[in-house]
């Protein structure tokens, strides 16, 4: 097998976001049940070193500011040699599923995030 396909990196970002939410005790599923979704509205991705099939990668996720009607996550992907493979960011909006209009970050999530920053 050769290089990891470039489209996989956004999947790595998504898996890191979901795992981060789970780690801080927040359920994305519950958020959806409450009528709010978080679609990705922008991405940025820079490749530094190729990743290969079977490489062990670590995704480091950072939240640099409190969310409002959107939240921005930064990512750094490293390999088992601690070499930077890629970096990037995603911007997600909070949307009400009934009318597809932006809403502020839910209080339940904001309270958890404020304890972390």
N, C-alpha and C. Protein backbone atom coordinates (compact mmCIF):
# COMPACT_ATOMS: atom_id res chain seq x y z
N UNK A 1 0.85 -1.19 0.00
CA UNK A 1 0.00 0.00 0.00
C UNK A 1 0.89 1.25 0.00
N UNK A 2 0.34 2.31 -0.54
CA UNK A 2 1.10 3.53 -0.66
C UNK A 2 0.70 4.59 0.35
N UNK A 3 0.65 5.81 -0.14
CA UNK A 3 0.30 6.95 0.70
C UNK A 3 -1.14 6.87 1.17
N UNK A 4 -1.40 7.46 2.35
CA UNK A 4 -2.78 7.64 2.80
C UNK A 4 -3.43 8.67 1.87
N UNK A 5 -4.62 8.40 1.40
CA UNK A 5 -5.31 9.31 0.48
C UNK A 5 -5.63 10.62 1.19
N UNK A 6 -5.49 11.72 0.47
CA UNK A 6 -5.69 13.04 1.07
C UNK A 6 -7.07 13.22 1.69
N UNK A 7 -8.09 12.57 1.15
CA UNK A 7 -9.45 12.75 1.69
C UNK A 7 -9.59 12.14 3.08
N UNK A 8 -8.71 11.24 3.45
CA UNK A 8 -8.80 10.61 4.77
C UNK A 8 -8.52 11.59 5.90
N UNK A 9 -7.77 12.63 5.64
CA UNK A 9 -7.38 13.55 6.71
C UNK A 9 -8.58 14.26 7.31
N UNK A 10 -9.56 14.60 6.50
CA UNK A 10 -10.77 15.22 7.06
C UNK A 10 -11.55 14.22 7.91
N UNK A 11 -11.47 12.95 7.56
CA UNK A 11 -12.09 11.91 8.39
C UNK A 11 -11.35 11.80 9.72
N UNK A 12 -10.02 11.91 9.69
CA UNK A 12 -9.25 11.89 10.93
C UNK A 12 -9.66 13.07 11.82
N UNK A 13 -9.85 14.24 11.20
CA UNK A 13 -10.30 15.41 11.97
C UNK A 13 -11.66 15.12 12.62
N UNK A 14 -12.58 14.56 11.84
CA UNK A 14 -13.91 14.28 12.36
C UNK A 14 -13.85 13.28 13.52
N UNK A 15 -13.07 12.23 13.36
CA UNK A 15 -12.96 11.24 14.44
C UNK A 15 -12.38 11.88 15.70
N UNK A 16 -11.43 12.78 15.54
CA UNK A 16 -10.84 13.47 16.70
C UNK A 16 -11.87 14.36 17.38
N UNK A 17 -12.69 15.07 16.60
CA UNK A 17 -13.74 15.93 17.19
C UNK A 17 -14.72 15.11 18.00
N UNK A 18 -15.20 14.01 17.41
CA UNK A 18 -16.18 13.17 18.09
C UNK A 18 -15.58 12.58 19.36
N UNK A 19 -14.36 12.12 19.28
CA UNK A 19 -13.69 11.56 20.46
C UNK A 19 -13.49 12.62 21.52
N UNK A 20 -13.13 13.84 21.11
CA UNK A 20 -12.95 14.94 22.06
C UNK A 20 -14.26 15.24 22.77
N UNK A 21 -15.36 15.32 22.02
CA UNK A 21 -16.66 15.57 22.65
C UNK A 21 -16.99 14.46 23.65
N UNK A 22 -16.74 13.22 23.27
CA UNK A 22 -16.99 12.11 24.19
C UNK A 22 -16.12 12.22 25.44
N UNK A 23 -14.86 12.58 25.25
CA UNK A 23 -13.92 12.68 26.36
C UNK A 23 -14.34 13.75 27.37
N UNK A 24 -14.90 14.85 26.89
CA UNK A 24 -15.32 15.90 27.82
C UNK A 24 -16.72 15.64 28.36
N UNK A 25 -17.30 14.50 27.98
CA UNK A 25 -18.59 14.11 28.53
C UNK A 25 -19.79 14.70 27.81
N UNK A 26 -19.60 15.03 26.52
CA UNK A 26 -20.68 15.64 25.76
C UNK A 26 -21.08 14.72 24.61
N UNK A 27 -22.37 14.55 24.42
CA UNK A 27 -22.87 13.64 23.39
C UNK A 27 -23.37 14.42 22.18
N UNK A 28 -22.73 14.17 21.02
CA UNK A 28 -23.20 14.79 19.78
C UNK A 28 -24.59 14.27 19.44
N UNK A 29 -24.82 13.00 19.73
CA UNK A 29 -26.14 12.41 19.46
C UNK A 29 -27.22 13.14 20.24
N UNK A 30 -26.95 13.46 21.51
CA UNK A 30 -27.93 14.19 22.33
C UNK A 30 -28.16 15.59 21.75
N UNK A 31 -27.10 16.21 21.28
CA UNK A 31 -27.22 17.52 20.66
C UNK A 31 -28.19 17.46 19.48
N UNK A 32 -28.04 16.43 18.63
CA UNK A 32 -28.95 16.26 17.50
C UNK A 32 -30.38 15.99 17.96
N UNK A 33 -30.52 15.20 19.01
CA UNK A 33 -31.86 14.93 19.55
C UNK A 33 -32.51 16.21 20.06
N UNK A 34 -31.70 17.16 20.50
CA UNK A 34 -32.21 18.45 20.98
C UNK A 34 -32.44 19.44 19.84
N UNK A 35 -32.24 18.99 18.60
CA UNK A 35 -32.55 19.83 17.44
C UNK A 35 -31.43 20.73 16.97
N UNK A 36 -30.19 20.40 17.32
CA UNK A 36 -29.06 21.21 16.87
C UNK A 36 -28.04 20.30 16.19
N UNK A 37 -27.55 20.74 15.04
CA UNK A 37 -26.49 20.02 14.33
C UNK A 37 -25.29 20.95 14.16
N UNK A 38 -24.14 20.34 13.87
CA UNK A 38 -22.90 21.10 13.71
C UNK A 38 -22.25 20.77 12.37
N UNK A 39 -22.76 21.33 11.28
CA UNK A 39 -22.12 21.05 9.99
C UNK A 39 -20.78 21.78 9.86
N UNK A 40 -19.87 21.16 9.15
CA UNK A 40 -18.60 21.80 8.83
C UNK A 40 -18.87 22.84 7.75
N UNK A 41 -18.44 24.07 7.98
CA UNK A 41 -18.67 25.14 7.00
C UNK A 41 -17.37 25.61 6.34
N UNK A 42 -16.22 25.24 6.93
CA UNK A 42 -14.94 25.60 6.32
C UNK A 42 -13.86 24.65 6.82
N UNK A 43 -12.90 24.38 5.95
CA UNK A 43 -11.76 23.54 6.34
C UNK A 43 -10.48 24.16 5.81
N UNK A 44 -9.39 23.82 6.46
CA UNK A 44 -8.06 24.22 6.03
C UNK A 44 -7.16 23.02 6.32
N UNK A 45 -6.36 22.62 5.37
CA UNK A 45 -5.53 21.43 5.55
C UNK A 45 -4.20 21.63 4.83
N UNK A 46 -3.10 21.41 5.56
CA UNK A 46 -1.76 21.51 4.98
C UNK A 46 -1.03 20.21 5.23
N UNK A 47 -0.46 19.66 4.18
CA UNK A 47 0.29 18.41 4.27
C UNK A 47 1.77 18.72 4.45
N UNK A 48 2.41 18.02 5.37
CA UNK A 48 3.83 18.26 5.65
C UNK A 48 4.69 17.07 5.23
N UNK A 49 4.31 15.88 5.70
CA UNK A 49 5.05 14.64 5.44
C UNK A 49 4.04 13.57 5.08
N UNK A 50 4.31 12.74 4.10
CA UNK A 50 3.33 11.71 3.75
C UNK A 50 3.09 10.71 4.89
N UNK A 51 1.85 10.27 4.99
CA UNK A 51 1.50 9.15 5.86
C UNK A 51 1.30 7.95 4.95
N UNK A 52 1.68 6.80 5.43
CA UNK A 52 1.58 5.59 4.64
C UNK A 52 0.59 4.62 5.28
N UNK A 53 0.11 3.70 4.47
CA UNK A 53 -0.76 2.65 4.97
C UNK A 53 -0.09 1.98 6.16
N UNK A 54 -0.82 1.79 7.21
CA UNK A 54 -0.37 1.13 8.44
C UNK A 54 0.42 2.04 9.38
N UNK A 55 0.63 3.31 9.02
CA UNK A 55 1.26 4.24 9.97
C UNK A 55 0.34 4.44 11.16
N UNK A 56 0.93 4.57 12.33
CA UNK A 56 0.17 4.95 13.51
C UNK A 56 0.20 6.46 13.61
N UNK A 57 -0.97 7.07 13.54
CA UNK A 57 -1.07 8.53 13.57
C UNK A 57 -1.77 8.97 14.84
N UNK A 58 -1.37 10.14 15.33
CA UNK A 58 -2.02 10.76 16.48
C UNK A 58 -2.55 12.11 16.02
N UNK A 59 -3.82 12.38 16.34
CA UNK A 59 -4.43 13.66 16.00
C UNK A 59 -4.55 14.47 17.28
N UNK A 60 -3.86 15.61 17.31
CA UNK A 60 -3.92 16.53 18.45
C UNK A 60 -4.95 17.60 18.10
N UNK A 61 -5.94 17.77 18.95
CA UNK A 61 -7.03 18.72 18.70
C UNK A 61 -6.92 19.86 19.70
N UNK A 62 -7.12 21.09 19.21
CA UNK A 62 -7.08 22.27 20.06
C UNK A 62 -8.30 23.14 19.78
N UNK A 63 -8.86 23.66 20.84
CA UNK A 63 -9.95 24.64 20.75
C UNK A 63 -9.38 25.93 21.33
N UNK A 64 -9.19 26.95 20.50
CA UNK A 64 -8.48 28.15 20.93
C UNK A 64 -9.36 29.25 21.48
N UNK A 65 -10.65 29.19 21.20
CA UNK A 65 -11.54 30.25 21.67
C UNK A 65 -12.91 29.68 21.97
N UNK A 66 -13.65 30.40 22.78
CA UNK A 66 -15.00 29.97 23.11
C UNK A 66 -15.89 30.05 21.87
N UNK A 67 -16.71 29.05 21.66
CA UNK A 67 -17.61 29.09 20.50
C UNK A 67 -18.72 30.12 20.69
N UNK A 68 -19.24 30.56 19.59
CA UNK A 68 -20.43 31.44 19.58
C UNK A 68 -21.47 30.75 18.72
N UNK A 69 -21.72 31.26 17.52
CA UNK A 69 -22.61 30.56 16.59
C UNK A 69 -21.79 29.59 15.74
N UNK A 70 -20.49 29.58 15.96
CA UNK A 70 -19.60 28.66 15.27
C UNK A 70 -18.48 28.28 16.23
N UNK A 71 -17.78 27.22 15.90
CA UNK A 71 -16.65 26.77 16.71
C UNK A 71 -15.53 26.36 15.76
N UNK A 72 -14.31 26.73 16.11
CA UNK A 72 -13.15 26.44 15.27
C UNK A 72 -12.21 25.50 16.03
N UNK A 73 -11.89 24.39 15.40
CA UNK A 73 -10.94 23.42 15.96
C UNK A 73 -9.67 23.45 15.12
N UNK A 74 -8.52 23.35 15.78
CA UNK A 74 -7.23 23.21 15.10
C UNK A 74 -6.72 21.80 15.34
N UNK A 75 -5.99 21.27 14.36
CA UNK A 75 -5.50 19.90 14.43
C UNK A 75 -4.03 19.84 14.03
N UNK A 76 -3.33 18.92 14.66
CA UNK A 76 -1.97 18.58 14.27
C UNK A 76 -1.89 17.06 14.25
N UNK A 77 -1.52 16.50 13.12
CA UNK A 77 -1.39 15.05 12.99
C UNK A 77 0.09 14.71 12.97
N UNK A 78 0.48 13.78 13.85
CA UNK A 78 1.87 13.33 13.91
C UNK A 78 1.93 11.81 13.71
N UNK A 79 3.09 11.35 13.28
CA UNK A 79 3.27 9.90 13.13
C UNK A 79 3.99 9.34 14.35
N UNK A 80 4.30 8.04 14.32
CA UNK A 80 4.91 7.40 15.49
C UNK A 80 6.31 7.92 15.80
N UNK A 81 6.91 8.62 14.85
CA UNK A 81 8.22 9.24 15.08
C UNK A 81 8.09 10.68 15.58
N UNK A 82 6.84 11.08 15.90
CA UNK A 82 6.53 12.44 16.36
C UNK A 82 6.75 13.48 15.25
N UNK A 83 6.82 13.03 14.01
CA UNK A 83 7.00 13.94 12.88
C UNK A 83 5.64 14.47 12.45
N UNK A 84 5.59 15.76 12.16
CA UNK A 84 4.34 16.38 11.73
C UNK A 84 3.96 15.87 10.34
N UNK A 85 2.76 15.33 10.24
CA UNK A 85 2.25 14.80 8.97
C UNK A 85 1.36 15.84 8.30
N UNK A 86 0.49 16.46 9.08
CA UNK A 86 -0.44 17.45 8.52
C UNK A 86 -0.96 18.33 9.65
N UNK A 87 -1.47 19.48 9.26
CA UNK A 87 -2.13 20.37 10.22
C UNK A 87 -3.31 21.01 9.51
N UNK A 88 -4.23 21.52 10.30
CA UNK A 88 -5.39 22.15 9.69
C UNK A 88 -6.39 22.62 10.71
N UNK A 89 -7.54 23.01 10.21
CA UNK A 89 -8.61 23.47 11.07
C UNK A 89 -9.95 23.20 10.41
N UNK A 90 -10.97 23.17 11.23
CA UNK A 90 -12.34 23.10 10.73
C UNK A 90 -13.17 24.12 11.49
N UNK A 91 -14.12 24.69 10.78
CA UNK A 91 -15.08 25.62 11.38
C UNK A 91 -16.45 24.96 11.24
N UNK A 92 -17.14 24.82 12.37
CA UNK A 92 -18.46 24.22 12.37
C UNK A 92 -19.46 25.25 12.88
N UNK A 93 -20.63 25.26 12.28
CA UNK A 93 -21.71 26.14 12.73
C UNK A 93 -22.66 25.35 13.62
N UNK A 94 -23.38 26.05 14.45
CA UNK A 94 -24.48 25.45 15.21
C UNK A 94 -25.77 25.83 14.49
N UNK A 95 -26.53 24.84 14.04
CA UNK A 95 -27.77 25.11 13.31
C UNK A 95 -28.96 24.46 13.99
N UNK A 96 -30.07 25.20 14.00
CA UNK A 96 -31.35 24.67 14.46
C UNK A 96 -31.90 23.80 13.34
N UNK A 97 -32.24 22.55 13.64
CA UNK A 97 -32.70 21.63 12.59
C UNK A 97 -34.10 21.95 12.09
N UNK A 98 -34.87 22.72 12.85
CA UNK A 98 -36.24 23.03 12.43
C UNK A 98 -36.27 24.07 11.32
N UNK A 99 -35.34 25.03 11.38
CA UNK A 99 -35.38 26.11 10.39
C UNK A 99 -34.04 26.32 9.67
N UNK A 100 -33.04 25.49 9.99
CA UNK A 100 -31.70 25.61 9.40
C UNK A 100 -31.06 26.97 9.60
N UNK A 101 -31.40 27.60 10.71
CA UNK A 101 -30.83 28.91 11.03
C UNK A 101 -29.73 28.75 12.07
N UNK A 102 -28.71 29.59 12.01
CA UNK A 102 -27.65 29.53 13.02
C UNK A 102 -28.19 29.85 14.41
N UNK A 103 -27.61 29.19 15.39
CA UNK A 103 -27.93 29.46 16.80
C UNK A 103 -26.62 29.54 17.56
N UNK A 104 -26.68 30.11 18.74
CA UNK A 104 -25.50 30.17 19.60
C UNK A 104 -25.16 28.77 20.12
N UNK A 105 -23.94 28.61 20.51
CA UNK A 105 -23.49 27.36 21.12
C UNK A 105 -24.41 27.03 22.30
N UNK A 106 -24.91 25.81 22.37
CA UNK A 106 -25.79 25.44 23.48
C UNK A 106 -25.10 25.63 24.83
N UNK A 107 -25.87 26.10 25.81
CA UNK A 107 -25.32 26.35 27.14
C UNK A 107 -24.66 25.11 27.73
N UNK A 108 -25.24 23.95 27.49
CA UNK A 108 -24.68 22.72 28.06
C UNK A 108 -23.26 22.46 27.56
N UNK A 109 -23.01 22.73 26.29
CA UNK A 109 -21.67 22.57 25.74
C UNK A 109 -20.76 23.70 26.20
N UNK A 110 -21.28 24.92 26.21
CA UNK A 110 -20.47 26.08 26.61
C UNK A 110 -19.96 25.92 28.04
N UNK A 111 -20.80 25.42 28.93
CA UNK A 111 -20.39 25.23 30.33
C UNK A 111 -19.22 24.26 30.43
N UNK A 112 -19.28 23.18 29.67
CA UNK A 112 -18.19 22.19 29.69
C UNK A 112 -16.91 22.80 29.12
N UNK A 113 -17.03 23.52 28.02
CA UNK A 113 -15.85 24.11 27.36
C UNK A 113 -15.21 25.17 28.25
N UNK A 114 -16.01 25.99 28.91
CA UNK A 114 -15.46 27.05 29.76
C UNK A 114 -14.60 26.48 30.88
N UNK A 115 -14.92 25.31 31.35
CA UNK A 115 -14.11 24.67 32.39
C UNK A 115 -12.75 24.23 31.85
N UNK A 116 -12.67 24.00 30.54
CA UNK A 116 -11.43 23.52 29.93
C UNK A 116 -10.47 24.64 29.55
N UNK A 117 -11.01 25.79 29.20
CA UNK A 117 -10.15 26.89 28.71
C UNK A 117 -9.64 27.76 29.83
